Amino acid sequence: NHNISVLDLIVGTSFNFTTISGKVLKVKVKSGTQPGTSIKLGEQGMPIADRRGPNHTSGNYGDQIILLNGIIPDIIEQGVIDSIKKYKDIQDLKQN
């Protein structure tokens, strides 16, 4: 799970993410991404067991999944709120 501002989901962003193996990867989030979206980091997850037994490693890894939890920032500048209201009003007019 990764908490991310809904503002970042709207405009897009990138962030550093530490995988379960300790690697730090830069993850990009496209503009318009919905809260609850999953991002798959291929072959960055748990090691895959080898059929020969626990003393052998396969060298393969599963995928790590990041779930984006959209959060509303505690403090939003009034200018941003005004812009969002203006955009919402325009969208409301288009729907009617």
Protein backbone atom coordinates (compact mmCIF):
# COMPACT_ATOMS: atom_id res chain seq x y z
CA ASN A 1 0.00 0.00 0.00
CA HIS A 2 1.17 3.50 -0.83
CA ASN A 3 -0.67 6.66 0.24
CA ILE A 4 -0.71 9.30 -2.47
CA SER A 5 -2.40 12.69 -2.71
CA VAL A 6 -5.46 12.77 -4.96
CA LEU A 7 -3.89 15.89 -6.45
CA ASP A 8 -0.92 13.77 -7.56
CA LEU A 9 -3.32 11.20 -9.00
CA ILE A 10 -4.98 13.96 -11.01
CA VAL A 11 -1.82 15.57 -12.43
CA GLY A 12 0.58 12.61 -12.34
CA THR A 13 3.77 12.22 -10.35
CA SER A 14 6.60 9.86 -9.51
CA PHE A 15 7.88 8.59 -6.18
CA ASN A 16 10.61 6.37 -4.83
CA PHE A 17 9.43 2.97 -3.61
CA THR A 18 11.44 0.45 -1.63
CA THR A 19 10.71 -3.11 -2.72
CA ILE A 20 10.60 -6.07 -0.34
CA SER A 21 14.18 -6.89 -1.37
CA GLY A 22 15.33 -3.38 -0.41
CA LYS A 23 15.75 -1.99 -3.93
CA VAL A 24 14.63 1.61 -4.37
CA LEU A 25 12.77 2.14 -7.63
CA LYS A 26 11.28 5.28 -9.15
CA VAL A 27 7.59 4.62 -9.82
CA LYS A 28 5.68 6.81 -12.27
CA VAL A 29 1.98 7.57 -11.85
CA LYS A 30 0.16 8.78 -14.96
CA SER A 31 -2.18 11.75 -14.78
CA GLY A 32 -5.80 10.72 -14.24
CA THR A 33 -4.94 7.60 -12.24
CA GLN A 34 -7.83 6.45 -10.05
CA PRO A 35 -7.50 5.78 -6.31
CA GLY A 36 -7.19 2.07 -5.66
CA THR A 37 -5.17 1.46 -8.82
CA SER A 38 -2.55 -1.28 -8.62
CA ILE A 39 0.91 -0.87 -10.12
CA LYS A 40 2.86 -4.05 -10.89
CA LEU A 41 6.63 -4.08 -10.47
CA GLY A 42 7.66 -7.08 -12.54
CA GLU A 43 10.01 -9.57 -10.90
CA GLN A 44 10.50 -7.38 -7.81
CA GLY A 45 8.53 -9.54 -5.37
CA MET A 46 9.15 -12.71 -3.39
CA PRO A 47 11.64 -15.32 -4.62
CA ILE A 48 10.00 -18.22 -6.43
CA ALA A 49 10.77 -21.58 -4.86
CA ASP A 50 12.85 -24.09 -6.76
CA ARG A 51 11.37 -27.54 -7.39
CA ARG A 52 14.59 -29.16 -6.18
CA GLY A 53 13.85 -28.08 -2.63
CA PRO A 54 14.51 -25.36 -0.03
CA ASN A 55 18.31 -25.52 -0.39
CA HIS A 56 18.13 -24.43 -4.03
CA THR A 57 17.17 -21.08 -5.49
CA SER A 58 15.42 -20.68 -8.81
CA GLY A 59 16.74 -17.17 -9.39
CA ASN A 60 13.23 -16.07 -10.33
CA TYR A 61 11.06 -13.57 -8.50
CA GLY A 62 7.37 -12.84 -8.43
CA ASP A 63 5.85 -9.43 -9.04
CA GLN A 64 5.40 -6.81 -6.35
CA ILE A 65 2.09 -4.97 -6.41
CA ILE A 66 1.64 -1.40 -5.13
CA LEU A 67 -1.91 -0.36 -4.26
CA LEU A 68 -2.37 3.42 -4.54
CA ASN A 69 -4.49 4.78 -1.71
CA GLY A 70 -5.72 8.25 -2.68
CA ILE A 71 -5.76 10.69 0.22
CA ILE A 72 -6.93 14.29 0.46
CA PRO A 73 -4.17 16.58 1.76
CA ASP A 74 -4.81 18.14 5.19
CA ILE A 75 -4.01 21.62 3.85
CA ILE A 76 -5.06 22.81 0.40
CA GLU A 77 -4.47 26.41 -0.64
CA GLN A 78 -7.62 28.45 -1.29
CA GLY A 79 -6.58 29.11 -4.90
CA VAL A 80 -6.50 25.37 -5.58
CA ILE A 81 -9.93 24.91 -3.96
CA ASP A 82 -11.33 27.77 -6.05
CA SER A 83 -9.93 26.21 -9.24
CA ILE A 84 -11.44 22.82 -8.36
CA LYS A 85 -14.82 24.45 -7.68
CA LYS A 86 -14.68 26.26 -11.03
CA TYR A 87 -13.81 23.00 -12.81
CA LYS A 88 -16.62 21.16 -10.99
CA ASP A 89 -19.13 23.85 -11.98
CA ILE A 90 -18.10 23.48 -15.64
CA GLN A 91 -18.46 19.69 -15.43
CA ASP A 92 -21.88 20.03 -13.77
CA LEU A 93 -23.07 22.31 -16.60
CA LYS A 94 -21.88 19.80 -19.22
CA GLN A 95 -23.90 17.03 -17.57
CA ASN A 96 -27.15 19.04 -17.51
